[in-house]
Amino acid sequence: MFFDIFALFEADGNGFDWRSVSTNNPEVQEAAKHAMKSLQQKSNSLFPYKLIDIILARAKVELLCLLYSLSVSFVITKPRQAPN
């Protein structure tokens, strides 16, 4: 899906400011999944991370890119033990 990212933001004297965006936006959801995957890859934890909720999402246009700032809640899960 292609859309004009500049239509979503207004330029001020210093460029484009951070704007709140919906946490239900599919691109925000994908950015959160990517962030969790990146965090897991950089972690020393043997247990996977699970995204619980996106609390806050903001976006900014910079150098022709759309940047996201996300506040999320997540847990580190433990694998279930097999019953004896």
Foldseek 3Di string as FASTA:
>chain_A
DDDDPVVVFDADPVGTDKDWDDCPPPVNVVVVVVVQVVVQVPDPDPFGKAWDGWDTWIWTQDPNDIDIDTDTDIDGDDDDDDDD
